[in-house]
C-alpha atoms as a PDB file:
ATOM      1  CA  MET A   1      -0.022  -0.045   0.032  1.00  0.00           C
ATOM      2  CA  LEU A   2       2.877   2.370   0.987  1.00  0.00           C
ATOM      3  CA  ASN A   3       4.623   1.602  -2.288  1.00  0.00           C
ATOM      4  CA  ASN A   4       1.555   2.230  -4.393  1.00  0.00           C
ATOM      5  CA  GLN A   5       1.118   5.689  -2.680  1.00  0.00           C
ATOM      6  CA  THR A   6       4.808   6.414  -3.262  1.00  0.00           C
ATOM      7  CA  VAL A   7       4.585   5.355  -6.873  1.00  0.00           C
ATOM      8  CA  GLU A   8       1.613   7.674  -7.487  1.00  0.00           C
ATOM      9  CA  LYS A   9       3.479  10.633  -5.834  1.00  0.00           C
ATOM     10  CA  LEU A  10       6.511   9.934  -8.007  1.00  0.00           C
ATOM     11  CA  GLN A  11       4.329   9.899 -11.065  1.00  0.00           C
ATOM     12  CA  ASP A  12       2.633  13.059  -9.981  1.00  0.00           C
ATOM     13  CA  MET A  13       6.092  14.741  -9.683  1.00  0.00           C
ATOM     14  CA  LYS A  14       6.853  13.428 -13.253  1.00  0.00           C
ATOM     15  CA  LEU A  15       9.544  10.991 -11.886  1.00  0.00           C
ATOM     16  CA  LYS A  16       8.372   8.323 -14.199  1.00  0.00           C
ATOM     17  CA  ALA A  17      11.573   6.262 -14.305  1.00  0.00           C
ATOM     18  CA  MET A  18      11.787   6.131 -10.575  1.00  0.00           C
ATOM     19  CA  ALA A  19       8.191   5.204 -10.246  1.00  0.00           C
ATOM     20  CA  GLN A  20       8.685   2.320 -12.768  1.00  0.00           C
ATOM     21  CA  MET A  21      11.740   1.048 -10.878  1.00  0.00           C
ATOM     22  CA  LEU A  22       9.765   1.115  -7.618  1.00  0.00           C
ATOM     23  CA  SER A  23       6.635  -0.575  -8.963  1.00  0.00           C
ATOM     24  CA  GLU A  24       8.459  -3.109 -11.202  1.00  0.00           C
ATOM     25  CA  PRO A  25      11.772  -3.839  -9.524  1.00  0.00           C
ATOM     26  CA  MET A  26      14.334  -6.177 -11.102  1.00  0.00           C
ATOM     27  CA  PRO A  27      15.154  -9.269  -9.034  1.00  0.00           C
ATOM     28  CA  SER A  28      18.733  -7.955  -8.729  1.00  0.00           C
ATOM     29  CA  ASP A  29      17.574  -4.729  -7.279  1.00  0.00           C
ATOM     30  CA  LEU A  30      15.926  -6.263  -4.292  1.00  0.00           C
ATOM     31  CA  ALA A  31      19.269  -7.521  -3.014  1.00  0.00           C
ATOM     32  CA  LEU A  32      20.651  -3.896  -2.974  1.00  0.00           C
ATOM     33  CA  SER A  33      20.848  -1.711   0.208  1.00  0.00           C
ATOM     34  CA  PHE A  34      18.436   1.262   0.497  1.00  0.00           C
ATOM     35  CA  GLU A  35      21.151   3.708  -0.515  1.00  0.00           C
ATOM     36  CA  GLU A  36      22.262   1.529  -3.446  1.00  0.00           C
ATOM     37  CA  ARG A  37      18.747   1.201  -4.739  1.00  0.00           C
ATOM     38  CA  LEU A  38      17.933   4.852  -4.312  1.00  0.00           C
ATOM     39  CA  GLY A  39      21.052   5.787  -6.165  1.00  0.00           C
ATOM     40  CA  LEU A  40      20.181   3.511  -9.042  1.00  0.00           C
ATOM     41  CA  MET A  41      16.660   5.040  -9.182  1.00  0.00           C
ATOM     42  CA  VAL A  42      18.049   8.548  -9.264  1.00  0.00           C
ATOM     43  CA  GLU A  43      20.558   7.705 -11.819  1.00  0.00           C
ATOM     44  CA  LYS A  44      17.843   6.057 -14.158  1.00  0.00           C
ATOM     45  CA  GLU A  45      15.664   9.119 -13.626  1.00  0.00           C
ATOM     46  CA  TRP A  46      18.439  11.559 -14.418  1.00  0.00           C
ATOM     47  CA  MET A  47      19.348   9.563 -17.664  1.00  0.00           C
ATOM     48  CA  ALA A  48      15.744   9.579 -18.698  1.00  0.00           C
ATOM     49  CA  LYS A  49      15.301  13.301 -18.264  1.00  0.00           C
ATOM     50  CA  LYS A  50      18.645  13.934 -20.016  1.00  0.00           C
ATOM     51  CA  ASN A  51      17.572  11.884 -23.021  1.00  0.00           C
ATOM     52  CA  THR A  52      14.228  13.649 -23.156  1.00  0.00           C
ATOM     53  CA  LYS A  53      15.977  16.945 -23.193  1.00  0.00           C
ATOM     54  CA  ILE A  54      18.373  15.845 -25.892  1.00  0.00           C
ATOM     55  CA  LYS A  55      15.525  14.700 -28.125  1.00  0.00           C
ATOM     56  CA  ARG A  56      13.692  18.053 -27.529  1.00  0.00           C
ATOM     57  CA  LEU A  57      16.780  20.000 -28.485  1.00  0.00           C
ATOM     58  CA  LEU A  58      17.393  17.975 -31.571  1.00  0.00           C
ATOM     59  CA  ARG A  59      13.841  18.318 -32.652  1.00  0.00           C
ATOM     60  CA  SER A  60      13.975  22.057 -32.178  1.00  0.00           C
ATOM     61  CA  ALA A  61      17.350  22.418 -33.996  1.00  0.00           C
ATOM     62  CA  THR A  62      15.818  21.200 -37.334  1.00  0.00           C
ATOM     63  CA  LEU A  63      19.191  20.125 -38.569  1.00  0.00           C
ATOM     64  CA  GLY A  64      19.592  19.729 -42.324  1.00  0.00           C
ATOM     65  CA  LEU A  65      21.073  16.188 -41.969  1.00  0.00           C
ATOM     66  CA  ASP A  66      21.304  13.458 -39.323  1.00  0.00           C
ATOM     67  CA  ALA A  67      25.018  13.755 -38.660  1.00  0.00           C
ATOM     68  CA  CYS A  68      27.439  12.994 -35.829  1.00  0.00           C
ATOM     69  CA  ILE A  69      31.056  13.761 -34.975  1.00  0.00           C
ATOM     70  CA  GLU A  70      31.844  10.065 -35.071  1.00  0.00           C
ATOM     71  CA  GLY A  71      30.783   9.915 -38.747  1.00  0.00           C
ATOM     72  CA  ILE A  72      33.092  12.595 -40.068  1.00  0.00           C
ATOM     73  CA  GLU A  73      35.502  11.137 -42.664  1.00  0.00           C
ATOM     74  CA  TYR A  74      39.244  12.001 -42.209  1.00  0.00           C
ATOM     75  CA  SER A  75      40.716  10.532 -45.428  1.00  0.00           C
ATOM     76  CA  SER A  76      44.016  11.797 -46.892  1.00  0.00           C
ATOM     77  CA  ASN A  77      42.088  13.465 -49.744  1.00  0.00           C
ATOM     78  CA  ARG A  78      40.215  15.808 -47.349  1.00  0.00           C
ATOM     79  CA  ALA A  79      41.768  18.966 -45.905  1.00  0.00           C
ATOM     80  CA  ILE A  80      40.383  18.347 -42.573  1.00  0.00           C
ATOM     81  CA  ASP A  81      42.230  17.910 -39.325  1.00  0.00           C
ATOM     82  CA  LYS A  82      40.828  15.338 -36.807  1.00  0.00           C
ATOM     83  CA  GLN A  83      42.386  17.031 -33.669  1.00  0.00           C
ATOM     84  CA  SER A  84      40.861  20.394 -34.652  1.00  0.00           C
ATOM     85  CA  ILE A  85      37.416  18.844 -35.098  1.00  0.00           C
ATOM     86  CA  LEU A  86      37.584  17.035 -31.702  1.00  0.00           C
ATOM     87  CA  GLU A  87      38.682  20.202 -29.999  1.00  0.00           C
ATOM     88  CA  LEU A  88      35.680  22.163 -31.556  1.00  0.00           C
ATOM     89  CA  ALA A  89      33.439  19.176 -30.497  1.00  0.00           C
ATOM     90  CA  SER A  90      34.214  20.032 -26.900  1.00  0.00           C
ATOM     91  CA  CYS A  91      31.929  23.027 -27.364  1.00  0.00           C
ATOM     92  CA  VAL A  92      34.366  25.369 -25.654  1.00  0.00           C
ATOM     93  CA  PHE A  93      33.691  27.773 -28.617  1.00  0.00           C
ATOM     94  CA  ILE A  94      30.193  28.015 -27.544  1.00  0.00           C
ATOM     95  CA  GLU A  95      31.037  28.859 -23.968  1.00  0.00           C
ATOM     96  CA  LYS A  96      33.347  31.606 -25.282  1.00  0.00           C
ATOM     97  CA  SER A  97      30.701  32.846 -27.885  1.00  0.00           C
ATOM     98  CA  LEU A  98      33.084  32.188 -30.786  1.00  0.00           C
ATOM     99  CA  ASN A  99      32.107  31.158 -34.347  1.00  0.00           C
ATOM    100  CA  ILE A 100      33.071  28.542 -36.906  1.00  0.00           C
ATOM    101  CA  ILE A 101      33.345  29.423 -40.576  1.00  0.00           C
ATOM    102  CA  THR A 102      33.368  26.367 -43.041  1.00  0.00           C
ATOM    103  CA  THR A 103      33.906  26.780 -46.752  1.00  0.00           C
ATOM    104  CA  GLY A 104      34.241  24.265 -49.562  1.00  0.00           C
ATOM    105  CA  LYS A 105      32.838  23.375 -52.928  1.00  0.00           C
ATOM    106  CA  THR A 106      29.616  21.450 -53.545  1.00  0.00           C
ATOM    107  CA  GLY A 107      29.996  17.917 -52.135  1.00  0.00           C
ATOM    108  CA  SER A 108      32.906  18.686 -49.777  1.00  0.00           C
ATOM    109  CA  GLY A 109      30.761  17.818 -46.705  1.00  0.00           C
ATOM    110  CA  LYS A 110      30.082  21.226 -45.269  1.00  0.00           C
ATOM    111  CA  THR A 111      26.483  20.595 -44.416  1.00  0.00           C
ATOM    112  CA  TYR A 112      27.376  17.227 -42.812  1.00  0.00           C
ATOM    113  CA  LEU A 113      30.106  18.748 -40.824  1.00  0.00           C
ATOM    114  CA  ILE A 114      28.131  21.682 -39.411  1.00  0.00           C
ATOM    115  CA  CYS A 115      25.131  19.474 -38.692  1.00  0.00           C
ATOM    116  CA  ALA A 116      27.435  17.130 -36.825  1.00  0.00           C
ATOM    117  CA  PHE A 117      28.609  20.130 -34.630  1.00  0.00           C
ATOM    118  CA  GLY A 118      24.935  21.012 -34.095  1.00  0.00           C
ATOM    119  CA  SER A 119      23.933  17.494 -33.118  1.00  0.00           C
ATOM    120  CA  ASN A 120      26.912  17.310 -30.815  1.00  0.00           C
ATOM    121  CA  ALA A 121      25.939  20.689 -29.202  1.00  0.00           C
ATOM    122  CA  CYS A 122      22.415  19.476 -28.543  1.00  0.00           C
ATOM    123  CA  ARG A 123      23.681  16.175 -26.852  1.00  0.00           C
ATOM    124  CA  LYS A 124      25.806  18.495 -24.596  1.00  0.00           C
ATOM    125  CA  GLY A 125      22.689  20.515 -23.655  1.00  0.00           C
ATOM    126  CA  TYR A 126      22.993  23.586 -25.859  1.00  0.00           C
ATOM    127  CA  SER A 127      20.071  25.087 -27.791  1.00  0.00           C
ATOM    128  CA  VAL A 128      20.774  24.974 -31.480  1.00  0.00           C
ATOM    129  CA  LYS A 129      18.894  26.264 -34.599  1.00  0.00           C
ATOM    130  CA  TYR A 130      19.820  25.393 -38.266  1.00  0.00           C
ATOM    131  CA  TYR A 131      18.802  27.521 -41.304  1.00  0.00           C
ATOM    132  CA  ARG A 132      19.685  27.604 -44.838  1.00  0.00           C
ATOM    133  CA  ILE A 133      20.247  31.374 -45.480  1.00  0.00           C
ATOM    134  CA  PRO A 134      17.632  31.507 -48.283  1.00  0.00           C
ATOM    135  CA  GLU A 135      15.034  29.980 -46.081  1.00  0.00           C
ATOM    136  CA  LEU A 136      15.981  32.295 -43.139  1.00  0.00           C
ATOM    137  CA  LEU A 137      15.604  35.394 -45.129  1.00  0.00           C
ATOM    138  CA  LEU A 138      12.075  34.162 -46.351  1.00  0.00           C
ATOM    139  CA  GLU A 139      11.107  33.601 -42.767  1.00  0.00           C
ATOM    140  CA  ILE A 140      12.327  36.998 -41.817  1.00  0.00           C
ATOM    141  CA  GLN A 141      10.173  38.610 -44.623  1.00  0.00           C
ATOM    142  CA  ASP A 142       7.135  36.642 -43.437  1.00  0.00           C
ATOM    143  CA  ALA A 143       7.729  37.717 -39.893  1.00  0.00           C
ATOM    144  CA  LYS A 144       7.812  41.396 -41.022  1.00  0.00           C
ATOM    145  CA  ALA A 145       4.601  40.884 -42.940  1.00  0.00           C
ATOM    146  CA  HIS A 146       2.924  39.656 -39.784  1.00  0.00           C
ATOM    147  CA  ASN A 147       4.413  42.217 -37.525  1.00  0.00           C
ATOM    148  CA  GLU A 148       6.449  39.602 -35.677  1.00  0.00           C
ATOM    149  CA  TYR A 149       9.941  40.678 -36.737  1.00  0.00           C
ATOM    150  CA  SER A 150      11.033  41.656 -33.268  1.00  0.00           C
ATOM    151  CA  LYS A 151       9.741  38.370 -31.748  1.00  0.00           C
ATOM    152  CA  PHE A 152      11.486  36.314 -34.496  1.00  0.00           C
ATOM    153  CA  MET A 153      14.710  37.985 -34.104  1.00  0.00           C
ATOM    154  CA  LYS A 154      14.588  37.589 -30.279  1.00  0.00           C
ATOM    155  CA  GLY A 155      14.031  33.888 -30.738  1.00  0.00           C
ATOM    156  CA  ILE A 156      17.179  33.758 -32.879  1.00  0.00           C
ATOM    157  CA  GLN A 157      19.099  35.735 -30.284  1.00  0.00           C
ATOM    158  CA  LYS A 158      18.276  33.353 -27.516  1.00  0.00           C
ATOM    159  CA  VAL A 159      19.622  30.292 -29.236  1.00  0.00           C
ATOM    160  CA  ARG A 160      23.140  29.322 -27.989  1.00  0.00           C
ATOM    161  CA  LEU A 161      24.308  28.059 -31.361  1.00  0.00           C
ATOM    162  CA  LEU A 162      22.955  29.416 -34.667  1.00  0.00           C
ATOM    163  CA  ILE A 163      23.893  27.499 -37.851  1.00  0.00           C
ATOM    164  CA  LEU A 164      23.571  29.266 -41.174  1.00  0.00           C
ATOM    165  CA  ASP A 165      24.177  27.183 -44.235  1.00  0.00           C
ATOM    166  CA  ASP A 166      24.490  28.054 -47.944  1.00  0.00           C
ATOM    167  CA  ILE A 167      25.938  31.513 -47.542  1.00  0.00           C
ATOM    168  CA  GLY A 168      26.833  33.187 -50.868  1.00  0.00           C
ATOM    169  CA  LEU A 169      24.454  31.362 -53.246  1.00  0.00           C
ATOM    170  CA  ARG A 170      23.692  34.865 -54.502  1.00  0.00           C
ATOM    171  CA  SER A 171      24.238  38.539 -53.618  1.00  0.00           C
ATOM    172  CA  TYR A 172      21.940  40.046 -51.039  1.00  0.00           C
ATOM    173  CA  SER A 173      19.756  43.120 -51.154  1.00  0.00           C
ATOM    174  CA  LEU A 174      20.275  46.186 -48.941  1.00  0.00           C
ATOM    175  CA  GLU A 175      17.304  45.043 -46.809  1.00  0.00           C
ATOM    176  CA  GLU A 176      18.606  41.488 -46.482  1.00  0.00           C
ATOM    177  CA  SER A 177      22.006  42.889 -45.595  1.00  0.00           C
ATOM    178  CA  ARG A 178      20.503  44.823 -42.759  1.00  0.00           C
ATOM    179  CA  ASP A 179      18.727  41.756 -41.453  1.00  0.00           C
ATOM    180  CA  ILE A 180      21.976  39.753 -41.554  1.00  0.00           C
ATOM    181  CA  LEU A 181      23.808  42.574 -39.770  1.00  0.00           C
ATOM    182  CA  GLU A 182      21.079  42.620 -37.169  1.00  0.00           C
ATOM    183  CA  ILE A 183      21.578  38.977 -36.532  1.00  0.00           C
ATOM    184  CA  ALA A 184      25.445  39.228 -36.417  1.00  0.00           C
ATOM    185  CA  GLU A 185      25.119  42.267 -34.159  1.00  0.00           C
ATOM    186  CA  SER A 186      22.732  40.605 -31.713  1.00  0.00           C
ATOM    187  CA  ARG A 187      24.978  37.650 -31.237  1.00  0.00           C
ATOM    188  CA  TYR A 188      28.396  39.411 -31.166  1.00  0.00           C
ATOM    189  CA  ASN A 189      30.153  38.156 -27.994  1.00  0.00           C
ATOM    190  CA  LYS A 190      26.788  36.776 -26.833  1.00  0.00           C
ATOM    191  CA  GLY A 191      26.135  33.682 -28.815  1.00  0.00           C
ATOM    192  CA  SER A 192      27.977  31.441 -31.268  1.00  0.00           C
ATOM    193  CA  MET A 193      27.362  30.875 -34.958  1.00  0.00           C
ATOM    194  CA  ILE A 194      28.454  28.264 -37.529  1.00  0.00           C
ATOM    195  CA  LEU A 195      28.464  29.560 -41.119  1.00  0.00           C
ATOM    196  CA  ALA A 196      28.945  27.604 -44.252  1.00  0.00           C
ATOM    197  CA  GLY A 197      29.277  28.520 -47.872  1.00  0.00           C
ATOM    198  CA  GLN A 198      30.847  27.456 -51.221  1.00  0.00           C
ATOM    199  CA  ILE A 199      32.887  30.490 -51.716  1.00  0.00           C
ATOM    200  CA  ALA A 200      35.967  31.549 -49.573  1.00  0.00           C
ATOM    201  CA  HIS A 201      34.972  33.687 -46.596  1.00  0.00           C
ATOM    202  CA  GLY A 202      37.374  36.433 -47.997  1.00  0.00           C
ATOM    203  CA  GLN A 203      34.846  36.885 -50.829  1.00  0.00           C
ATOM    204  CA  TRP A 204      31.770  37.277 -48.575  1.00  0.00           C
ATOM    205  CA  TYR A 205      32.393  41.027 -48.532  1.00  0.00           C
ATOM    206  CA  GLU A 206      31.318  41.226 -52.153  1.00  0.00           C
ATOM    207  CA  LEU A 207      27.832  39.747 -51.371  1.00  0.00           C
ATOM    208  CA  PHE A 208      26.686  42.988 -49.703  1.00  0.00           C
ATOM    209  CA  PRO A 209      25.855  46.164 -51.783  1.00  0.00           C
ATOM    210  CA  ASP A 210      26.717  48.681 -49.011  1.00  0.00           C
ATOM    211  CA  PRO A 211      30.493  48.711 -48.136  1.00  0.00           C
ATOM    212  CA  THR A 212      29.669  49.985 -44.577  1.00  0.00           C
ATOM    213  CA  ILE A 213      27.176  47.186 -43.764  1.00  0.00           C
ATOM    214  CA  ALA A 214      29.586  44.709 -45.281  1.00  0.00           C
ATOM    215  CA  ASP A 215      32.444  45.924 -43.065  1.00  0.00           C
ATOM    216  CA  ALA A 216      30.196  45.691 -40.028  1.00  0.00           C
ATOM    217  CA  ILE A 217      28.944  42.170 -40.782  1.00  0.00           C
ATOM    218  CA  MET A 218      32.404  40.800 -41.651  1.00  0.00           C
ATOM    219  CA  ASP A 219      33.866  42.446 -38.499  1.00  0.00           C
ATOM    220  CA  ARG A 220      31.306  40.764 -36.276  1.00  0.00           C
ATOM    221  CA  ILE A 221      31.496  37.307 -37.933  1.00  0.00           C
ATOM    222  CA  ILE A 222      35.163  36.887 -38.931  1.00  0.00           C
ATOM    223  CA  HIS A 223      36.797  38.576 -35.878  1.00  0.00           C
ATOM    224  CA  ASN A 224      35.905  35.646 -33.403  1.00  0.00           C
ATOM    225  CA  SER A 225      35.942  32.686 -35.846  1.00  0.00           C
ATOM    226  CA  TYR A 226      37.690  29.401 -36.350  1.00  0.00           C
ATOM    227  CA  ILE A 227      38.128  28.881 -40.175  1.00  0.00           C
ATOM    228  CA  LEU A 228      37.566  25.354 -41.592  1.00  0.00           C
ATOM    229  CA  GLU A 229      38.359  25.128 -45.403  1.00  0.00           C
ATOM    230  CA  LEU A 230      37.222  21.744 -46.849  1.00  0.00           C
ATOM    231  CA  ASP A 231      38.367  21.985 -50.461  1.00  0.00           C
ATOM    232  CA  SER A 232      39.807  18.633 -51.357  1.00  0.00           C
ATOM    233  CA  LYS A 233      40.771  16.552 -54.394  1.00  0.00           C
ATOM    234  CA  ILE A 234      37.829  14.314 -54.017  1.00  0.00           C
ATOM    235  CA  SER A 235      34.259  15.161 -52.660  1.00  0.00           C
ATOM    236  CA  LEU A 236      32.709  13.672 -49.552  1.00  0.00           C
ATOM    237  CA  ARG A 237      30.062  12.146 -51.659  1.00  0.00           C
ATOM    238  CA  GLU A 238      32.538  10.258 -53.580  1.00  0.00           C
ATOM    239  CA  ILE A 239      34.388   9.164 -50.466  1.00  0.00           C
ATOM    240  CA  MET A 240      31.059   7.844 -48.913  1.00  0.00           C
ATOM    241  CA  ALA A 241      30.148   6.162 -52.217  1.00  0.00           C
ATOM    242  CA  ALA A 242      33.434   4.345 -52.197  1.00  0.00           C
ATOM    243  CA  LYS A 243      32.989   3.416 -48.637  1.00  0.00           C
ATOM    244  CA  ARG A 244      29.560   1.964 -49.234  1.00  0.00           C
ATOM    245  CA  MET A 245      31.012  -0.064 -52.122  1.00  0.00           C
ATOM    246  CA  ARG A 246      33.739  -1.553 -49.910  1.00  0.00           C
ATOM    247  CA  ILE A 247      31.186  -2.444 -47.267  1.00  0.00           C
ATOM    248  CA  MET A 248      29.018  -4.218 -49.939  1.00  0.00           C
ATOM    249  CA  ASP A 249      32.052  -6.168 -51.214  1.00  0.00           C
ATOM    250  CA  GLU A 250      32.751  -7.288 -47.673  1.00  0.00           C
ATOM    251  CA  LEU A 251      29.267  -8.704 -47.237  1.00  0.00           C
END
């Protein structure tokens, strides 16, 4: 009877994992001392809540690809340093409000890499949001049309890691440049960004029509950034295709 009441109270407090362990104990649990069993229940509840939070963060991040740090390819044909990637995967750059800039031609693995960083950040408890720049600019226009621009921009500002993909597919209008500057300004020394594009970051200046705005954007983005250039002799898609062929041959 006492156990039933305790289980109900645990469920009422949303401690479902602990409630389940108490109501449906494993035979091995019964041999444990009170302290050991309590510690095991707390550990299981903590893990359940942590996993729930990670799932929520990953869902909110809307990452472009299902990627992970462990899945990054470090072949001799790719200009990518494993030690640098692992250091960035520690997420110290997020704690210091620094940025990452990744450039490389189509198929070089930019999107996979930045989504791997995003997924890794979610698993470490950071809020993340992924946008392709063209889609972000459309959402900003929609927010303006519905008088929700301020609310939308505040939402972006709150995210610990903002990922912007496909920078430089085209030049930007003056209004779009101002919106990008607003994002860069709001996150400068306050939040981290990961930016990816096909053209070298030194050419991003030319994407903006107003030199003053271009200077301001580049100053806020480049000044605090790690630069990862992924240009290589062979694309990631070709590497992954070859890897799949090797696996098939081994089966």
